Amino acid sequence: MKLKHLGVAIVGLVAITAPFVCPSAAQPAAPGEAERRALFLRGAQLWPVYCNTCHNARTGAEFSPAEWEMIIMHMRTQANLTPEDARAVLEYLRSSR
């Protein structure tokens, strides 16, 4: 009986510590070229809907990729962007440099 509980505890400990020991376990795989292209196209459609409503047109080169990431995090709450839409707009802005 004690052995069974020990096994459950070890499995739980591995599940909790896996992201720290093996960072790739915590992060999804990087998107492939086809997925990035689909995100870019979706972002190109969403950008005028969400961003251009209040802002003048901005090029992707206006800010660095890291700055765009911070801007999207802030604007996601302001514009009620879903996580998927925010990711698509971010890919569009990063790629249109």
C-alpha atoms as a PDB file:
ATOM      1  CA  MET A   1       0.000   0.000   0.000  1.00  0.00           C
ATOM      2  CA  LYS A   2       2.779   2.461   0.865  1.00  0.00           C
ATOM      3  CA  LEU A   3       4.573   1.559  -2.351  1.00  0.00           C
ATOM      4  CA  LYS A   4       1.525   2.568  -4.384  1.00  0.00           C
ATOM      5  CA  HIS A   5       1.422   6.021  -2.740  1.00  0.00           C
ATOM      6  CA  LEU A   6       5.152   6.455  -3.276  1.00  0.00           C
ATOM      7  CA  GLY A   7       4.706   5.764  -6.995  1.00  0.00           C
ATOM      8  CA  VAL A   8       1.924   8.351  -7.256  1.00  0.00           C
ATOM      9  CA  ALA A   9       4.073  10.887  -5.402  1.00  0.00           C
ATOM     10  CA  ILE A  10       7.025  10.302  -7.737  1.00  0.00           C
ATOM     11  CA  VAL A  11       4.844  10.643 -10.832  1.00  0.00           C
ATOM     12  CA  GLY A  12       3.379  13.878  -9.432  1.00  0.00           C
ATOM     13  CA  LEU A  13       6.837  15.211  -8.627  1.00  0.00           C
ATOM     14  CA  VAL A  14       8.062  14.470 -12.155  1.00  0.00           C
ATOM     15  CA  ALA A  15       5.029  16.199 -13.664  1.00  0.00           C
ATOM     16  CA  ILE A  16       5.570  19.287 -11.517  1.00  0.00           C
ATOM     17  CA  THR A  17       9.323  19.573 -12.054  1.00  0.00           C
ATOM     18  CA  ALA A  18       9.458  18.563 -15.747  1.00  0.00           C
ATOM     19  CA  PRO A  19       9.076  22.134 -17.068  1.00  0.00           C
ATOM     20  CA  PHE A  20      12.017  23.276 -14.938  1.00  0.00           C
ATOM     21  CA  VAL A  21      14.283  20.347 -15.749  1.00  0.00           C
ATOM     22  CA  CYS A  22      13.344  20.163 -19.428  1.00  0.00           C
ATOM     23  CA  PRO A  23      12.102  23.590 -20.632  1.00  0.00           C
ATOM     24  CA  SER A  24      10.943  22.152 -23.950  1.00  0.00           C
ATOM     25  CA  ALA A  25       8.333  20.138 -22.033  1.00  0.00           C
ATOM     26  CA  ALA A  26       6.664  23.380 -20.939  1.00  0.00           C
ATOM     27  CA  GLN A  27       6.666  25.106 -24.325  1.00  0.00           C
ATOM     28  CA  PRO A  28       4.820  23.996 -27.421  1.00  0.00           C
ATOM     29  CA  ALA A  29       6.899  23.295 -30.492  1.00  0.00           C
ATOM     30  CA  ALA A  30       7.759  26.288 -32.635  1.00  0.00           C
ATOM     31  CA  PRO A  31       5.215  26.804 -35.390  1.00  0.00           C
ATOM     32  CA  GLY A  32       6.129  25.394 -38.768  1.00  0.00           C
ATOM     33  CA  GLU A  33       6.290  27.478 -41.925  1.00  0.00           C
ATOM     34  CA  ALA A  34       2.731  26.586 -42.942  1.00  0.00           C
ATOM     35  CA  GLU A  35       1.355  27.541 -39.533  1.00  0.00           C
ATOM     36  CA  ARG A  36       3.306  30.820 -39.522  1.00  0.00           C
ATOM     37  CA  ARG A  37       1.951  31.629 -42.985  1.00  0.00           C
ATOM     38  CA  ALA A  38      -1.612  30.918 -41.822  1.00  0.00           C
ATOM     39  CA  LEU A  39      -1.069  33.097 -38.725  1.00  0.00           C
ATOM     40  CA  PHE A  40       0.348  35.886 -40.894  1.00  0.00           C
ATOM     41  CA  LEU A  41      -2.648  35.820 -43.242  1.00  0.00           C
ATOM     42  CA  ARG A  42      -5.097  35.731 -40.334  1.00  0.00           C
ATOM     43  CA  GLY A  43      -3.250  38.628 -38.674  1.00  0.00           C
ATOM     44  CA  ALA A  44      -3.397  40.608 -41.917  1.00  0.00           C
ATOM     45  CA  GLN A  45      -7.186  40.197 -41.883  1.00  0.00           C
ATOM     46  CA  LEU A  46      -7.546  41.048 -38.191  1.00  0.00           C
ATOM     47  CA  TRP A  47      -5.186  44.021 -38.054  1.00  0.00           C
ATOM     48  CA  PRO A  48      -7.596  46.460 -39.742  1.00  0.00           C
ATOM     49  CA  VAL A  49     -10.486  45.172 -37.654  1.00  0.00           C
ATOM     50  CA  TYR A  50      -8.822  45.511 -34.242  1.00  0.00           C
ATOM     51  CA  CYS A  51      -5.944  47.977 -34.637  1.00  0.00           C
ATOM     52  CA  ASN A  52      -6.776  50.295 -37.511  1.00  0.00           C
ATOM     53  CA  THR A  53     -10.073  51.186 -35.893  1.00  0.00           C
ATOM     54  CA  CYS A  54      -8.262  53.445 -33.409  1.00  0.00           C
ATOM     55  CA  HIS A  55      -4.712  53.764 -34.788  1.00  0.00           C
ATOM     56  CA  ASN A  56      -3.203  55.041 -37.997  1.00  0.00           C
ATOM     57  CA  ALA A  57      -1.569  52.443 -40.176  1.00  0.00           C
ATOM     58  CA  ARG A  58       1.767  51.340 -38.749  1.00  0.00           C
ATOM     59  CA  THR A  59       4.395  49.262 -40.402  1.00  0.00           C
ATOM     60  CA  GLY A  60       5.936  46.236 -38.743  1.00  0.00           C
ATOM     61  CA  ALA A  61       9.310  48.006 -38.906  1.00  0.00           C
ATOM     62  CA  GLU A  62       8.145  50.752 -36.557  1.00  0.00           C
ATOM     63  CA  PHE A  63       8.856  48.563 -33.522  1.00  0.00           C
ATOM     64  CA  SER A  64      11.114  45.604 -32.799  1.00  0.00           C
ATOM     65  CA  PRO A  65       9.575  42.118 -32.382  1.00  0.00           C
ATOM     66  CA  ALA A  66      10.031  42.396 -28.590  1.00  0.00           C
ATOM     67  CA  GLU A  67       8.292  45.783 -28.553  1.00  0.00           C
ATOM     68  CA  TRP A  68       5.412  44.423 -30.636  1.00  0.00           C
ATOM     69  CA  GLU A  69       5.032  41.593 -28.136  1.00  0.00           C
ATOM     70  CA  MET A  70       4.683  44.089 -25.263  1.00  0.00           C
ATOM     71  CA  ILE A  71       2.276  46.235 -27.283  1.00  0.00           C
ATOM     72  CA  ILE A  72       0.113  43.227 -28.162  1.00  0.00           C
ATOM     73  CA  MET A  73       0.004  42.122 -24.511  1.00  0.00           C
ATOM     74  CA  HIS A  74      -1.293  45.558 -23.557  1.00  0.00           C
ATOM     75  CA  MET A  75      -3.660  45.968 -26.482  1.00  0.00           C
ATOM     76  CA  ARG A  76      -5.051  42.466 -26.059  1.00  0.00           C
ATOM     77  CA  THR A  77      -6.913  43.652 -22.980  1.00  0.00           C
ATOM     78  CA  GLN A  78      -7.859  47.004 -24.513  1.00  0.00           C
ATOM     79  CA  ALA A  79      -9.324  45.504 -27.695  1.00  0.00           C
ATOM     80  CA  ASN A  80     -10.601  42.235 -26.173  1.00  0.00           C
ATOM     81  CA  LEU A  81      -8.428  40.155 -28.491  1.00  0.00           C
ATOM     82  CA  THR A  82      -8.674  36.415 -28.050  1.00  0.00           C
ATOM     83  CA  PRO A  83      -5.332  34.670 -27.480  1.00  0.00           C
ATOM     84  CA  GLU A  84      -5.489  33.198 -30.991  1.00  0.00           C
ATOM     85  CA  ASP A  85      -6.243  36.563 -32.598  1.00  0.00           C
ATOM     86  CA  ALA A  86      -3.497  38.286 -30.599  1.00  0.00           C
ATOM     87  CA  ARG A  87      -1.006  35.654 -31.732  1.00  0.00           C
ATOM     88  CA  ALA A  88      -2.059  36.122 -35.362  1.00  0.00           C
ATOM     89  CA  VAL A  89      -1.776  39.923 -35.224  1.00  0.00           C
ATOM     90  CA  LEU A  90       1.609  39.618 -33.523  1.00  0.00           C
ATOM     91  CA  GLU A  91       2.868  37.256 -36.247  1.00  0.00           C
ATOM     92  CA  TYR A  92       1.614  39.679 -38.895  1.00  0.00           C
ATOM     93  CA  LEU A  93       3.369  42.656 -37.313  1.00  0.00           C
ATOM     94  CA  ARG A  94       6.605  40.766 -36.679  1.00  0.00           C
ATOM     95  CA  SER A  95       6.727  39.378 -40.215  1.00  0.00           C
ATOM     96  CA  SER A  96       5.803  42.567 -42.055  1.00  0.00           C
ATOM     97  CA  ARG A  97       9.080  44.286 -41.206  1.00  0.00           C
END
